[in-house]
Amino acid sequence: MPFIVWTNQLSVDVKILDNDHKRLVILINDLHDALMAGRDSNALEGIFDELVANTRIHFAHEEKLLAAAGYGDVAAHKQAHEQKLKQLLSLQSRFKSARESAAYLEVLDQLKVLALRAHGKRR
């Protein structure tokens, strides 16, 4: 069973954003699977790097769509994205310094909470 299961409840009904979200879920699941398979730290860090890069791309897509739609508070939304990115980068740093499975899993659990909280969901 995947670490995070994509369901229609996670959809925002905007194809490009849903595709971004699905990609992020896949990367989190890939990171979990790689950890469970005992992949080396370089492989794990590479997946996390890809997750961060795709998060940046997703935020840019969302901000562009909001601006194009005339959303009145794009600046505040961008600030929220910057805060989420800081949280993600903090998790990435903790992940890279982890030395045991329990520490990796704790970061993954927090990553899952962060991802689902973005959609108003909990575990």
Protein backbone atom coordinates (compact mmCIF):
# COMPACT_ATOMS: atom_id res chain seq x y z
CA MET A 1 0.00 0.00 0.00
CA PRO A 2 1.36 3.46 -0.85
CA PHE A 3 2.50 5.74 1.95
CA ILE A 4 0.08 8.40 0.66
CA VAL A 5 -2.94 7.37 -1.41
CA TRP A 6 -4.19 9.86 -4.00
CA THR A 7 -7.96 10.17 -3.83
CA ASN A 8 -10.44 12.49 -5.49
CA GLN A 9 -10.79 14.25 -2.12
CA LEU A 10 -7.29 15.64 -2.70
CA SER A 11 -8.28 17.10 -6.06
CA VAL A 12 -8.59 20.86 -6.51
CA ASP A 13 -10.33 20.34 -9.89
CA VAL A 14 -7.60 22.18 -11.80
CA LYS A 15 -5.80 19.73 -14.07
CA ILE A 16 -2.30 21.24 -13.94
CA LEU A 17 -2.42 21.59 -10.14
CA ASP A 18 -3.84 18.10 -9.67
CA ASN A 19 -1.08 16.74 -11.91
CA ASP A 20 1.49 18.60 -9.81
CA HIS A 21 -0.05 17.25 -6.62
CA LYS A 22 -0.08 13.71 -7.98
CA ARG A 23 3.61 14.05 -8.91
CA LEU A 24 4.43 15.23 -5.39
CA VAL A 25 2.52 12.27 -3.90
CA ILE A 26 4.42 9.91 -6.21
CA LEU A 27 7.75 11.38 -5.10
CA ILE A 28 6.87 11.07 -1.41
CA ASN A 29 5.81 7.46 -2.03
CA ASP A 30 9.04 6.85 -3.99
CA LEU A 31 11.06 8.24 -1.09
CA HIS A 32 9.24 5.97 1.36
CA ASP A 33 9.64 2.94 -0.91
CA ALA A 34 13.35 3.63 -1.42
CA LEU A 35 13.86 3.91 2.33
CA MET A 36 11.98 0.67 2.97
CA ALA A 37 14.07 -1.05 0.26
CA GLY A 38 17.27 0.03 1.97
CA ARG A 39 18.49 2.29 -0.84
CA ASP A 40 21.63 4.27 -0.11
CA SER A 41 21.59 7.85 1.14
CA ASN A 42 22.54 9.26 -2.27
CA ALA A 43 19.44 7.71 -3.84
CA LEU A 44 17.22 8.94 -1.01
CA GLU A 45 18.64 12.45 -1.17
CA GLY A 46 18.18 12.50 -4.95
CA ILE A 47 14.48 11.74 -4.58
CA PHE A 48 14.12 14.42 -1.90
CA ASP A 49 15.93 16.92 -4.16
CA GLU A 50 13.43 16.11 -6.91
CA LEU A 51 10.58 16.60 -4.45
CA VAL A 52 11.86 20.07 -3.54
CA ALA A 53 12.33 21.01 -7.21
CA ASN A 54 8.81 19.82 -8.09
CA THR A 55 7.36 21.71 -5.12
CA ARG A 56 8.94 24.92 -6.41
CA ILE A 57 7.48 24.25 -9.87
CA HIS A 58 4.06 23.57 -8.39
CA PHE A 59 4.08 26.78 -6.36
CA ALA A 60 5.04 28.76 -9.48
CA HIS A 61 2.17 27.15 -11.42
CA GLU A 62 -0.31 27.95 -8.68
CA GLU A 63 0.85 31.55 -8.25
CA LYS A 64 0.67 32.13 -12.01
CA LEU A 65 -2.86 30.73 -12.18
CA LEU A 66 -4.00 32.80 -9.21
CA ALA A 67 -2.56 35.98 -10.72
CA ALA A 68 -4.16 35.24 -14.10
CA ALA A 69 -7.52 34.66 -12.40
CA GLY A 70 -7.28 38.02 -10.64
CA TYR A 71 -7.03 36.48 -7.18
CA GLY A 72 -6.79 39.44 -4.83
CA ASP A 73 -4.28 38.11 -2.35
CA VAL A 74 -1.55 36.52 -4.45
CA ALA A 75 1.15 38.10 -2.26
CA ALA A 76 -0.20 36.45 0.90
CA HIS A 77 -0.54 33.13 -0.92
CA LYS A 78 3.05 33.44 -2.13
CA GLN A 79 4.16 34.09 1.46
CA ALA A 80 2.33 30.94 2.55
CA HIS A 81 4.19 29.02 -0.17
CA GLU A 82 7.50 30.45 1.05
CA GLN A 83 6.67 29.27 4.57
CA LYS A 84 5.78 25.78 3.34
CA LEU A 85 8.99 25.68 1.32
CA LYS A 86 10.98 26.61 4.45
CA GLN A 87 9.29 23.73 6.28
CA LEU A 88 10.09 21.37 3.42
CA LEU A 89 13.73 22.49 3.31
CA SER A 90 13.97 21.99 7.07
CA LEU A 91 12.62 18.46 6.69
CA GLN A 92 15.10 17.86 3.87
CA SER A 93 17.97 18.98 6.09
CA ARG A 94 16.82 16.69 8.89
CA PHE A 95 16.42 13.85 6.41
CA LYS A 96 19.96 14.33 5.08
CA SER A 97 21.41 14.29 8.59
CA ALA A 98 19.40 11.23 9.69
CA ARG A 99 21.48 8.19 10.50
CA GLU A 100 18.87 5.61 11.46
CA SER A 101 15.59 4.35 10.08
CA ALA A 102 13.52 5.81 12.91
CA ALA A 103 14.79 9.33 12.15
CA TYR A 104 14.09 8.91 8.43
CA LEU A 105 10.59 7.64 9.17
CA GLU A 106 9.88 10.53 11.52
CA VAL A 107 10.77 13.00 8.77
CA LEU A 108 8.64 11.07 6.27
CA ASP A 109 5.69 11.12 8.65
CA GLN A 110 6.05 14.89 9.05
CA LEU A 111 6.37 15.25 5.28
CA LYS A 112 3.11 13.33 4.88
CA VAL A 113 1.36 15.59 7.39
CA LEU A 114 2.69 18.68 5.61
CA ALA A 115 1.48 17.38 2.24
CA LEU A 116 -1.98 16.43 3.45
CA ARG A 117 -2.40 19.56 5.56
CA ALA A 118 -2.03 21.58 2.35
CA HIS A 119 -5.34 19.98 1.35
CA GLY A 120 -7.01 20.31 4.70
CA LYS A 121 -6.60 16.59 5.31
CA ARG A 122 -5.01 14.66 8.13
CA ARG A 123 -3.32 11.29 7.86
